[in-house]
Amino acid sequence: MRWGTAALLVFSGLAVLVIVAGLILGDGSAVAFGVAKLLGLLLWLIGIACFYSDRQSEAAAARRSSQNAIQPAQDVETDINRVVKEVGKYDPHKEVADAVRRGDKLEAIKIWRDATGVNLRDALKFVEEVERRTGRG
């Protein structure tokens, strides 16, 4: 159980106890019961604030963790693509054209998406245009 959830339960329990104690010990006095209700409400609000704070810090930690995990992979991929392009051994246009000539449309789409990062729809449009222009479609 997270600390925020535990704090919410504890403060809610205390709020109920304070209100019940104010009802019992106040001997029917409206002022005593009113003070007990206000104190109970304050305790309950503190519990909610703890719960909310815990959830916010948990979400922020998850965001930081996912950003740190994704960033190095993107850097490595960018570096690899740059090095390969500089060496001149990788030409996605040629690979797509070769796959279209072989009749392997799915492979051509995969090659284009991997090389450019476009979505499936745009990769499909590109490959279909290559097919149309080469008379393979």
C-alpha atoms as a PDB file:
ATOM      1  CA  MET A   1       0.000   0.000   0.000  1.00  0.00           C
ATOM      2  CA  ARG A   2       1.333   3.423  -0.965  1.00  0.00           C
ATOM      3  CA  TRP A   3       1.919   5.989   1.794  1.00  0.00           C
ATOM      4  CA  GLY A   4      -0.712   8.328   0.346  1.00  0.00           C
ATOM      5  CA  THR A   5      -3.386   5.636   0.500  1.00  0.00           C
ATOM      6  CA  ALA A   6      -2.391   4.751   4.069  1.00  0.00           C
ATOM      7  CA  ALA A   7      -2.476   8.430   5.082  1.00  0.00           C
ATOM      8  CA  LEU A   8      -5.934   8.853   3.537  1.00  0.00           C
ATOM      9  CA  LEU A   9      -7.222   5.849   5.485  1.00  0.00           C
ATOM     10  CA  VAL A  10      -5.652   6.999   8.756  1.00  0.00           C
ATOM     11  CA  PHE A  11      -6.883  10.597   8.473  1.00  0.00           C
ATOM     12  CA  SER A  12     -10.351   9.457   7.388  1.00  0.00           C
ATOM     13  CA  GLY A  13     -10.508   7.152  10.407  1.00  0.00           C
ATOM     14  CA  LEU A  14      -9.397   9.971  12.698  1.00  0.00           C
ATOM     15  CA  ALA A  15     -12.008  12.261  11.154  1.00  0.00           C
ATOM     16  CA  VAL A  16     -14.765   9.766  11.915  1.00  0.00           C
ATOM     17  CA  LEU A  17     -13.479   9.288  15.471  1.00  0.00           C
ATOM     18  CA  VAL A  18     -13.371  13.041  16.099  1.00  0.00           C
ATOM     19  CA  ILE A  19     -16.906  13.509  14.793  1.00  0.00           C
ATOM     20  CA  VAL A  20     -18.247  10.589  16.849  1.00  0.00           C
ATOM     21  CA  ALA A  21     -16.365  11.797  19.938  1.00  0.00           C
ATOM     22  CA  GLY A  22     -17.778  15.287  19.447  1.00  0.00           C
ATOM     23  CA  LEU A  23     -21.280  13.817  19.193  1.00  0.00           C
ATOM     24  CA  ILE A  24     -20.860  11.680  22.313  1.00  0.00           C
ATOM     25  CA  LEU A  25     -18.845  14.034  24.499  1.00  0.00           C
ATOM     26  CA  GLY A  26     -20.607  17.184  23.386  1.00  0.00           C
ATOM     27  CA  ASP A  27     -23.783  16.130  25.250  1.00  0.00           C
ATOM     28  CA  GLY A  28     -25.909  17.442  22.413  1.00  0.00           C
ATOM     29  CA  SER A  29     -24.197  20.805  22.251  1.00  0.00           C
ATOM     30  CA  ALA A  30     -24.394  22.148  18.719  1.00  0.00           C
ATOM     31  CA  VAL A  31     -21.166  24.115  19.144  1.00  0.00           C
ATOM     32  CA  ALA A  32     -19.145  21.071  20.293  1.00  0.00           C
ATOM     33  CA  PHE A  33     -20.558  18.950  17.476  1.00  0.00           C
ATOM     34  CA  GLY A  34     -19.890  21.729  14.941  1.00  0.00           C
ATOM     35  CA  VAL A  35     -16.262  22.029  16.079  1.00  0.00           C
ATOM     36  CA  ALA A  36     -15.886  18.238  15.900  1.00  0.00           C
ATOM     37  CA  LYS A  37     -17.302  18.210  12.354  1.00  0.00           C
ATOM     38  CA  LEU A  38     -14.907  20.966  11.265  1.00  0.00           C
ATOM     39  CA  LEU A  39     -11.945  19.183  12.829  1.00  0.00           C
ATOM     40  CA  GLY A  40     -13.028  15.910  11.218  1.00  0.00           C
ATOM     41  CA  LEU A  41     -13.359  17.612   7.842  1.00  0.00           C
ATOM     42  CA  LEU A  42      -9.897  19.142   8.245  1.00  0.00           C
ATOM     43  CA  LEU A  43      -8.380  15.736   9.046  1.00  0.00           C
ATOM     44  CA  TRP A  44     -10.109  14.192   6.044  1.00  0.00           C
ATOM     45  CA  LEU A  45      -8.827  16.979   3.762  1.00  0.00           C
ATOM     46  CA  ILE A  46      -5.278  16.413   5.043  1.00  0.00           C
ATOM     47  CA  GLY A  47      -5.663  12.725   4.144  1.00  0.00           C
ATOM     48  CA  ILE A  48      -6.850  13.607   0.633  1.00  0.00           C
ATOM     49  CA  ALA A  49      -3.921  16.009   0.187  1.00  0.00           C
ATOM     50  CA  CYS A  50      -1.480  13.242   1.199  1.00  0.00           C
ATOM     51  CA  PHE A  51      -3.139  10.827  -1.203  1.00  0.00           C
ATOM     52  CA  TYR A  52      -3.042  13.339  -4.084  1.00  0.00           C
ATOM     53  CA  SER A  53       0.574  14.308  -3.345  1.00  0.00           C
ATOM     54  CA  ASP A  54       1.627  10.652  -3.379  1.00  0.00           C
ATOM     55  CA  ARG A  55      -0.096  10.060  -6.722  1.00  0.00           C
ATOM     56  CA  GLN A  56       1.508  13.168  -8.250  1.00  0.00           C
ATOM     57  CA  SER A  57       5.006  12.190  -7.115  1.00  0.00           C
ATOM     58  CA  GLU A  58       4.438   8.637  -8.395  1.00  0.00           C
ATOM     59  CA  ALA A  59       3.338   9.960 -11.804  1.00  0.00           C
ATOM     60  CA  ALA A  60       6.322  12.334 -11.990  1.00  0.00           C
ATOM     61  CA  ALA A  61       8.709   9.483 -11.144  1.00  0.00           C
ATOM     62  CA  ALA A  62       7.136   7.329 -13.863  1.00  0.00           C
ATOM     63  CA  ARG A  63       7.529  10.142 -16.412  1.00  0.00           C
ATOM     64  CA  ARG A  64      11.181  10.662 -15.475  1.00  0.00           C
ATOM     65  CA  SER A  65      11.820   6.931 -15.654  1.00  0.00           C
ATOM     66  CA  SER A  66      10.213   6.532 -19.076  1.00  0.00           C
ATOM     67  CA  GLN A  67      12.020   9.577 -20.472  1.00  0.00           C
ATOM     68  CA  ASN A  68      15.359   8.277 -19.248  1.00  0.00           C
ATOM     69  CA  ALA A  69      14.684   4.845 -20.723  1.00  0.00           C
ATOM     70  CA  ILE A  70      13.590   6.135 -24.127  1.00  0.00           C
ATOM     71  CA  GLN A  71      16.161   8.876 -24.685  1.00  0.00           C
ATOM     72  CA  PRO A  72      19.308   6.710 -24.927  1.00  0.00           C
ATOM     73  CA  ALA A  73      17.631   4.346 -27.403  1.00  0.00           C
ATOM     74  CA  GLN A  74      16.659   7.279 -29.611  1.00  0.00           C
ATOM     75  CA  ASP A  75      20.202   8.681 -29.417  1.00  0.00           C
ATOM     76  CA  VAL A  76      21.717   5.338 -30.383  1.00  0.00           C
ATOM     77  CA  GLU A  77      19.296   4.923 -33.292  1.00  0.00           C
ATOM     78  CA  THR A  78      20.057   8.434 -34.531  1.00  0.00           C
ATOM     79  CA  ASP A  79      23.796   7.832 -34.264  1.00  0.00           C
ATOM     80  CA  ILE A  80      23.568   4.507 -36.091  1.00  0.00           C
ATOM     81  CA  ASN A  81      21.514   6.017 -38.913  1.00  0.00           C
ATOM     82  CA  ARG A  82      23.915   8.957 -39.245  1.00  0.00           C
ATOM     83  CA  VAL A  83      27.003   6.730 -39.339  1.00  0.00           C
ATOM     84  CA  VAL A  84      25.480   4.314 -41.834  1.00  0.00           C
ATOM     85  CA  LYS A  85      24.333   7.167 -44.077  1.00  0.00           C
ATOM     86  CA  GLU A  86      27.779   8.762 -43.911  1.00  0.00           C
ATOM     87  CA  VAL A  87      29.418   5.517 -44.926  1.00  0.00           C
ATOM     88  CA  GLY A  88      26.965   5.376 -47.824  1.00  0.00           C
ATOM     89  CA  LYS A  89      26.044   1.718 -47.486  1.00  0.00           C
ATOM     90  CA  TYR A  90      22.410   2.275 -46.707  1.00  0.00           C
ATOM     91  CA  ASP A  91      19.905   3.520 -49.257  1.00  0.00           C
ATOM     92  CA  PRO A  92      16.278   2.948 -48.254  1.00  0.00           C
ATOM     93  CA  HIS A  93      15.067   3.985 -51.714  1.00  0.00           C
ATOM     94  CA  LYS A  94      17.082   1.203 -53.313  1.00  0.00           C
ATOM     95  CA  GLU A  95      15.941  -1.352 -50.741  1.00  0.00           C
ATOM     96  CA  VAL A  96      12.285  -0.371 -51.215  1.00  0.00           C
ATOM     97  CA  ALA A  97      12.653  -0.592 -54.992  1.00  0.00           C
ATOM     98  CA  ASP A  98      14.272  -4.034 -54.666  1.00  0.00           C
ATOM     99  CA  ALA A  99      11.454  -5.266 -52.413  1.00  0.00           C
ATOM    100  CA  VAL A 100       8.831  -3.930 -54.870  1.00  0.00           C
ATOM    101  CA  ARG A 101      10.588  -5.701 -57.746  1.00  0.00           C
ATOM    102  CA  ARG A 102      10.471  -8.940 -55.752  1.00  0.00           C
ATOM    103  CA  GLY A 103       6.753  -8.346 -55.134  1.00  0.00           C
ATOM    104  CA  ASP A 104       7.271  -8.083 -51.364  1.00  0.00           C
ATOM    105  CA  LYS A 105       5.063  -5.093 -50.571  1.00  0.00           C
ATOM    106  CA  LEU A 106       5.043  -5.710 -46.808  1.00  0.00           C
ATOM    107  CA  GLU A 107       8.835  -5.774 -46.677  1.00  0.00           C
ATOM    108  CA  ALA A 108       8.991  -2.560 -48.726  1.00  0.00           C
ATOM    109  CA  ILE A 109       6.625  -0.850 -46.277  1.00  0.00           C
ATOM    110  CA  LYS A 110       8.659  -2.097 -43.309  1.00  0.00           C
ATOM    111  CA  ILE A 111      11.916  -0.875 -44.851  1.00  0.00           C
ATOM    112  CA  TRP A 112      10.464   2.581 -45.551  1.00  0.00           C
ATOM    113  CA  ARG A 113       8.944   2.916 -42.077  1.00  0.00           C
ATOM    114  CA  ASP A 114      12.171   1.847 -40.385  1.00  0.00           C
ATOM    115  CA  ALA A 115      14.251   4.212 -42.509  1.00  0.00           C
ATOM    116  CA  THR A 116      12.041   7.294 -42.247  1.00  0.00           C
ATOM    117  CA  GLY A 117       9.870   6.815 -39.167  1.00  0.00           C
ATOM    118  CA  VAL A 118       6.650   7.601 -41.052  1.00  0.00           C
ATOM    119  CA  ASN A 119       3.347   6.057 -40.043  1.00  0.00           C
ATOM    120  CA  LEU A 120       1.872   2.995 -41.731  1.00  0.00           C
ATOM    121  CA  ARG A 121      -0.513   4.959 -43.941  1.00  0.00           C
ATOM    122  CA  ASP A 122       2.224   7.200 -45.346  1.00  0.00           C
ATOM    123  CA  ALA A 123       4.572   4.264 -45.893  1.00  0.00           C
ATOM    124  CA  LEU A 124       1.812   2.419 -47.746  1.00  0.00           C
ATOM    125  CA  LYS A 125       1.167   5.460 -49.960  1.00  0.00           C
ATOM    126  CA  PHE A 126       4.876   5.739 -50.737  1.00  0.00           C
ATOM    127  CA  VAL A 127       5.247   2.054 -51.635  1.00  0.00           C
ATOM    128  CA  GLU A 128       2.094   2.108 -53.754  1.00  0.00           C
ATOM    129  CA  GLU A 129       3.443   5.136 -55.618  1.00  0.00           C
ATOM    130  CA  VAL A 130       6.714   3.266 -56.238  1.00  0.00           C
ATOM    131  CA  GLU A 131       4.693   0.311 -57.512  1.00  0.00           C
ATOM    132  CA  ARG A 132       2.636   2.567 -59.779  1.00  0.00           C
ATOM    133  CA  ARG A 133       5.683   4.298 -61.231  1.00  0.00           C
ATOM    134  CA  THR A 134       7.556   1.053 -61.827  1.00  0.00           C
ATOM    135  CA  GLY A 135       4.504  -0.708 -63.262  1.00  0.00           C
ATOM    136  CA  ARG A 136       4.571  -3.373 -60.532  1.00  0.00           C
ATOM    137  CA  GLY A 137       1.326  -2.419 -58.763  1.00  0.00           C
END
